[in-house]
Amino acid sequence: MIQTQSCKAFVLKRKLLLEKDISLALFTEEFGKLTVLAKGVRKITSRRSAHLQSGSYVDLRLNKYNGIYYVQSSSLISGFMNLRTEDFIDVIYLVLHTLNSLLPEEVPEVEIFKEVKLFFIKLGKGDNKKQVLAKTLSKILHILGYTDRENTLPKLLSIIEERSDRKLPRHVIM
């Protein structure tokens, strides 16, 4: 049986698949982190391709069939084009990587979702990116139970590296 659901989501990661399809890691308020398939998005005539880029905030209609989510339709809420510059891109992808690495699948995390929205708002307003990053990562890690207090940015990055088994690029952030 096919179930259709609507949700707003941040695109955490986009992975190319064979043919014209992609796999997306999404972070939604209602369902938490989801992995979904977007069929036919890589076709030259696809209007959804531009919406489904890493870091975009999108409105989606998803179908669930045999335990797999498929993108039925999408519309762009914000691509954060003003933040896709050399100044901000590494900070944004660090937060997206952290969410993709540490969030469990299909567990709603409403508080973290609100923090991510606030992160993009503060960056868009021109707040200090290192302070915004440190505060956001500290809150995310605290909510997930990895820390019990605020830490310095280097300490937060080492916790993320330890949990995700991946070295993070510190040269841009530090």
C-alpha atoms as a PDB file:
ATOM      1  CA  MET A   1       0.000   0.000   0.000  1.00  0.00           C
ATOM      2  CA  ILE A   2       1.256   3.480  -0.878  1.00  0.00           C
ATOM      3  CA  GLN A   3       1.281   6.134   1.843  1.00  0.00           C
ATOM      4  CA  THR A   4       1.660   9.801   0.858  1.00  0.00           C
ATOM      5  CA  GLN A   5       3.054  12.362   3.299  1.00  0.00           C
ATOM      6  CA  SER A   6       3.969  16.038   3.068  1.00  0.00           C
ATOM      7  CA  CYS A   7       6.907  17.538   4.908  1.00  0.00           C
ATOM      8  CA  LYS A   8       9.438  20.328   4.922  1.00  0.00           C
ATOM      9  CA  ALA A   9      13.054  19.192   4.919  1.00  0.00           C
ATOM     10  CA  PHE A  10      16.677  20.221   4.761  1.00  0.00           C
ATOM     11  CA  VAL A  11      18.639  18.274   2.158  1.00  0.00           C
ATOM     12  CA  LEU A  12      21.648  16.909   4.049  1.00  0.00           C
ATOM     13  CA  LYS A  13      23.281  14.909   1.276  1.00  0.00           C
ATOM     14  CA  ARG A  14      22.707  14.080  -2.362  1.00  0.00           C
ATOM     15  CA  LYS A  15      24.099  10.871  -3.842  1.00  0.00           C
ATOM     16  CA  LEU A  16      23.998  10.033  -7.544  1.00  0.00           C
ATOM     17  CA  LEU A  17      22.641   6.616  -8.448  1.00  0.00           C
ATOM     18  CA  LEU A  18      22.592   4.711 -11.706  1.00  0.00           C
ATOM     19  CA  GLU A  19      20.652   6.117 -14.623  1.00  0.00           C
ATOM     20  CA  LYS A  20      18.698   9.249 -13.747  1.00  0.00           C
ATOM     21  CA  ASP A  21      17.978   8.797 -10.038  1.00  0.00           C
ATOM     22  CA  ILE A  22      19.433  10.184  -6.820  1.00  0.00           C
ATOM     23  CA  SER A  23      19.353   9.198  -3.173  1.00  0.00           C
ATOM     24  CA  LEU A  24      18.791  11.992  -0.681  1.00  0.00           C
ATOM     25  CA  ALA A  25      19.453  12.217   3.029  1.00  0.00           C
ATOM     26  CA  LEU A  26      16.806  14.582   4.396  1.00  0.00           C
ATOM     27  CA  PHE A  27      16.192  16.085   7.808  1.00  0.00           C
ATOM     28  CA  THR A  28      12.496  16.712   8.498  1.00  0.00           C
ATOM     29  CA  GLU A  29      10.745  18.026  11.565  1.00  0.00           C
ATOM     30  CA  GLU A  30       8.033  15.359  11.420  1.00  0.00           C
ATOM     31  CA  PHE A  31      10.088  12.228  10.665  1.00  0.00           C
ATOM     32  CA  GLY A  32      13.676  13.129  11.559  1.00  0.00           C
ATOM     33  CA  LYS A  33      16.363  11.937   9.186  1.00  0.00           C
ATOM     34  CA  LEU A  34      15.090  10.074   6.136  1.00  0.00           C
ATOM     35  CA  THR A  35      16.743   8.491   3.141  1.00  0.00           C
ATOM     36  CA  VAL A  36      14.592   8.899   0.034  1.00  0.00           C
ATOM     37  CA  LEU A  37      14.858   8.147  -3.662  1.00  0.00           C
ATOM     38  CA  ALA A  38      14.153  10.765  -6.301  1.00  0.00           C
ATOM     39  CA  LYS A  39      13.432   9.019  -9.583  1.00  0.00           C
ATOM     40  CA  GLY A  40      14.247  10.766 -12.852  1.00  0.00           C
ATOM     41  CA  VAL A  41      15.756  13.867 -11.241  1.00  0.00           C
ATOM     42  CA  ARG A  42      18.901  13.734 -13.365  1.00  0.00           C
ATOM     43  CA  LYS A  43      16.940  13.955 -16.628  1.00  0.00           C
ATOM     44  CA  ILE A  44      17.688  17.129 -18.507  1.00  0.00           C
ATOM     45  CA  THR A  45      13.999  18.043 -18.433  1.00  0.00           C
ATOM     46  CA  SER A  46      13.573  17.560 -14.675  1.00  0.00           C
ATOM     47  CA  ARG A  47      12.343  20.651 -12.846  1.00  0.00           C
ATOM     48  CA  ARG A  48      13.094  19.102  -9.442  1.00  0.00           C
ATOM     49  CA  SER A  49      16.861  18.859  -9.876  1.00  0.00           C
ATOM     50  CA  ALA A  50      17.610  22.409  -8.745  1.00  0.00           C
ATOM     51  CA  HIS A  51      15.428  22.025  -5.628  1.00  0.00           C
ATOM     52  CA  LEU A  52      17.178  18.930  -4.383  1.00  0.00           C
ATOM     53  CA  GLN A  53      20.691  20.259  -3.767  1.00  0.00           C
ATOM     54  CA  SER A  54      22.545  19.785  -0.473  1.00  0.00           C
ATOM     55  CA  GLY A  55      21.710  22.602   1.910  1.00  0.00           C
ATOM     56  CA  SER A  56      18.331  23.469   0.379  1.00  0.00           C
ATOM     57  CA  TYR A  57      15.153  23.805   2.431  1.00  0.00           C
ATOM     58  CA  VAL A  58      12.313  22.189   0.487  1.00  0.00           C
ATOM     59  CA  ASP A  59       8.640  21.307   0.696  1.00  0.00           C
ATOM     60  CA  LEU A  60       8.127  17.678  -0.332  1.00  0.00           C
ATOM     61  CA  ARG A  61       5.421  15.147  -0.993  1.00  0.00           C
ATOM     62  CA  LEU A  62       6.750  11.675  -0.306  1.00  0.00           C
ATOM     63  CA  ASN A  63       5.320   8.274  -1.175  1.00  0.00           C
ATOM     64  CA  LYS A  64       6.245   5.296   0.952  1.00  0.00           C
ATOM     65  CA  TYR A  65       6.086   2.005  -0.899  1.00  0.00           C
ATOM     66  CA  ASN A  66       7.505  -1.280   0.424  1.00  0.00           C
ATOM     67  CA  GLY A  67       9.363   0.601   3.171  1.00  0.00           C
ATOM     68  CA  ILE A  68      11.122   2.995   0.766  1.00  0.00           C
ATOM     69  CA  TYR A  69      10.355   6.705   0.501  1.00  0.00           C
ATOM     70  CA  TYR A  70      10.111   8.257  -2.985  1.00  0.00           C
ATOM     71  CA  VAL A  71       9.909  11.964  -3.844  1.00  0.00           C
ATOM     72  CA  GLN A  72       6.610  12.592  -5.602  1.00  0.00           C
ATOM     73  CA  SER A  73       6.938  16.383  -5.863  1.00  0.00           C
ATOM     74  CA  SER A  74       9.130  19.132  -4.492  1.00  0.00           C
ATOM     75  CA  SER A  75       9.206  22.892  -4.269  1.00  0.00           C
ATOM     76  CA  LEU A  76      12.023  25.075  -3.065  1.00  0.00           C
ATOM     77  CA  ILE A  77      11.403  27.087   0.088  1.00  0.00           C
ATOM     78  CA  SER A  78      14.958  28.460   0.261  1.00  0.00           C
ATOM     79  CA  GLY A  79      18.201  27.587  -1.460  1.00  0.00           C
ATOM     80  CA  PHE A  80      20.095  29.997   0.816  1.00  0.00           C
ATOM     81  CA  MET A  81      21.821  31.419  -2.244  1.00  0.00           C
ATOM     82  CA  ASN A  82      23.174  34.383  -0.250  1.00  0.00           C
ATOM     83  CA  LEU A  83      25.018  31.884   1.990  1.00  0.00           C
ATOM     84  CA  ARG A  84      26.525  29.790  -0.807  1.00  0.00           C
ATOM     85  CA  THR A  85      29.759  31.735  -0.812  1.00  0.00           C
ATOM     86  CA  GLU A  86      33.308  30.873   0.203  1.00  0.00           C
ATOM     87  CA  ASP A  87      32.692  32.563   3.548  1.00  0.00           C
ATOM     88  CA  PHE A  88      29.844  30.278   4.616  1.00  0.00           C
ATOM     89  CA  ILE A  89      29.842  27.088   2.554  1.00  0.00           C
ATOM     90  CA  ASP A  90      32.257  25.114   4.769  1.00  0.00           C
ATOM     91  CA  VAL A  91      30.337  26.061   7.914  1.00  0.00           C
ATOM     92  CA  ILE A  92      27.028  24.992   6.346  1.00  0.00           C
ATOM     93  CA  TYR A  93      28.399  21.680   5.093  1.00  0.00           C
ATOM     94  CA  LEU A  94      29.946  20.964   8.484  1.00  0.00           C
ATOM     95  CA  VAL A  95      26.520  21.258  10.146  1.00  0.00           C
ATOM     96  CA  LEU A  96      24.901  19.168   7.389  1.00  0.00           C
ATOM     97  CA  HIS A  97      27.611  16.494   7.733  1.00  0.00           C
ATOM     98  CA  THR A  98      27.162  16.450  11.514  1.00  0.00           C
ATOM     99  CA  LEU A  99      23.417  15.936  11.183  1.00  0.00           C
ATOM    100  CA  ASN A 100      23.813  13.252   8.524  1.00  0.00           C
ATOM    101  CA  SER A 101      26.430  11.388  10.574  1.00  0.00           C
ATOM    102  CA  LEU A 102      24.881  11.558  14.031  1.00  0.00           C
ATOM    103  CA  LEU A 103      21.101  11.548  13.609  1.00  0.00           C
ATOM    104  CA  PRO A 104      19.307   8.200  13.755  1.00  0.00           C
ATOM    105  CA  GLU A 105      16.943   7.294  10.899  1.00  0.00           C
ATOM    106  CA  GLU A 106      13.234   8.093  11.309  1.00  0.00           C
ATOM    107  CA  VAL A 107      13.432   9.524  14.823  1.00  0.00           C
ATOM    108  CA  PRO A 108      11.796  12.971  15.042  1.00  0.00           C
ATOM    109  CA  GLU A 109      14.147  15.592  16.492  1.00  0.00           C
ATOM    110  CA  VAL A 110      11.989  18.732  16.699  1.00  0.00           C
ATOM    111  CA  GLU A 111      14.432  20.695  18.888  1.00  0.00           C
ATOM    112  CA  ILE A 112      17.345  20.026  16.554  1.00  0.00           C
ATOM    113  CA  PHE A 113      15.233  20.966  13.533  1.00  0.00           C
ATOM    114  CA  LYS A 114      14.465  24.328  15.162  1.00  0.00           C
ATOM    115  CA  GLU A 115      18.183  24.824  15.895  1.00  0.00           C
ATOM    116  CA  VAL A 116      19.061  24.179  12.250  1.00  0.00           C
ATOM    117  CA  LYS A 117      16.468  26.723  11.088  1.00  0.00           C
ATOM    118  CA  LEU A 118      17.864  29.222  13.598  1.00  0.00           C
ATOM    119  CA  PHE A 119      21.405  28.476  12.359  1.00  0.00           C
ATOM    120  CA  PHE A 120      20.488  29.476   8.793  1.00  0.00           C
ATOM    121  CA  ILE A 121      18.597  32.565   9.984  1.00  0.00           C
ATOM    122  CA  LYS A 122      21.540  33.779  12.075  1.00  0.00           C
ATOM    123  CA  LEU A 123      24.037  33.197   9.259  1.00  0.00           C
ATOM    124  CA  GLY A 124      21.726  35.056   6.883  1.00  0.00           C
ATOM    125  CA  LYS A 125      21.581  38.021   9.262  1.00  0.00           C
ATOM    126  CA  GLY A 126      25.366  38.259   9.248  1.00  0.00           C
ATOM    127  CA  ASP A 127      26.083  37.023  12.772  1.00  0.00           C
ATOM    128  CA  ASN A 128      29.628  35.816  13.512  1.00  0.00           C
ATOM    129  CA  LYS A 129      29.850  32.448  11.748  1.00  0.00           C
ATOM    130  CA  LYS A 130      32.235  30.852  14.273  1.00  0.00           C
ATOM    131  CA  GLN A 131      30.018  31.790  17.209  1.00  0.00           C
ATOM    132  CA  VAL A 132      26.886  30.635  15.413  1.00  0.00           C
ATOM    133  CA  LEU A 133      28.595  27.364  14.441  1.00  0.00           C
ATOM    134  CA  ALA A 134      29.886  26.692  17.961  1.00  0.00           C
ATOM    135  CA  LYS A 135      26.524  27.429  19.572  1.00  0.00           C
ATOM    136  CA  THR A 136      24.585  25.317  17.039  1.00  0.00           C
ATOM    137  CA  LEU A 137      26.943  22.329  17.252  1.00  0.00           C
ATOM    138  CA  SER A 138      26.969  22.555  21.047  1.00  0.00           C
ATOM    139  CA  LYS A 139      23.160  22.457  21.201  1.00  0.00           C
ATOM    140  CA  ILE A 140      22.897  19.615  18.667  1.00  0.00           C
ATOM    141  CA  LEU A 141      25.455  17.497  20.512  1.00  0.00           C
ATOM    142  CA  HIS A 142      23.816  18.262  23.859  1.00  0.00           C
ATOM    143  CA  ILE A 143      20.339  17.277  22.606  1.00  0.00           C
ATOM    144  CA  LEU A 144      21.761  14.039  21.166  1.00  0.00           C
ATOM    145  CA  GLY A 145      23.457  13.295  24.497  1.00  0.00           C
ATOM    146  CA  TYR A 146      27.105  13.587  23.393  1.00  0.00           C
ATOM    147  CA  THR A 147      27.916  16.544  25.688  1.00  0.00           C
ATOM    148  CA  ASP A 148      26.505  17.883  28.909  1.00  0.00           C
ATOM    149  CA  ARG A 149      27.690  21.489  28.602  1.00  0.00           C
ATOM    150  CA  GLU A 150      28.944  24.054  26.110  1.00  0.00           C
ATOM    151  CA  ASN A 151      32.389  23.309  24.716  1.00  0.00           C
ATOM    152  CA  THR A 152      34.915  25.127  22.604  1.00  0.00           C
ATOM    153  CA  LEU A 153      34.730  24.711  18.839  1.00  0.00           C
ATOM    154  CA  PRO A 154      37.870  22.512  18.651  1.00  0.00           C
ATOM    155  CA  LYS A 155      36.429  20.194  21.327  1.00  0.00           C
ATOM    156  CA  LEU A 156      33.091  20.010  19.499  1.00  0.00           C
ATOM    157  CA  LEU A 157      34.836  19.157  16.232  1.00  0.00           C
ATOM    158  CA  SER A 158      36.844  16.399  17.895  1.00  0.00           C
ATOM    159  CA  ILE A 159      33.621  14.909  19.354  1.00  0.00           C
ATOM    160  CA  ILE A 160      32.037  14.947  15.887  1.00  0.00           C
ATOM    161  CA  GLU A 161      35.131  13.356  14.322  1.00  0.00           C
ATOM    162  CA  GLU A 162      35.155  10.667  16.977  1.00  0.00           C
ATOM    163  CA  ARG A 163      31.456   9.835  16.502  1.00  0.00           C
ATOM    164  CA  SER A 164      31.390  10.012  12.690  1.00  0.00           C
ATOM    165  CA  ASP A 165      34.771   8.331  12.047  1.00  0.00           C
ATOM    166  CA  ARG A 166      35.675  11.073   9.595  1.00  0.00           C
ATOM    167  CA  LYS A 167      38.308  13.806   9.746  1.00  0.00           C
ATOM    168  CA  LEU A 168      36.798  17.273   9.366  1.00  0.00           C
ATOM    169  CA  PRO A 169      38.438  20.124   7.446  1.00  0.00           C
ATOM    170  CA  ARG A 170      39.522  22.515  10.203  1.00  0.00           C
ATOM    171  CA  HIS A 171      41.628  24.919   8.136  1.00  0.00           C
ATOM    172  CA  VAL A 172      38.641  26.916   6.939  1.00  0.00           C
ATOM    173  CA  ILE A 173      36.742  27.047  10.211  1.00  0.00           C
ATOM    174  CA  MET A 174      39.473  27.673  12.740  1.00  0.00           C
END
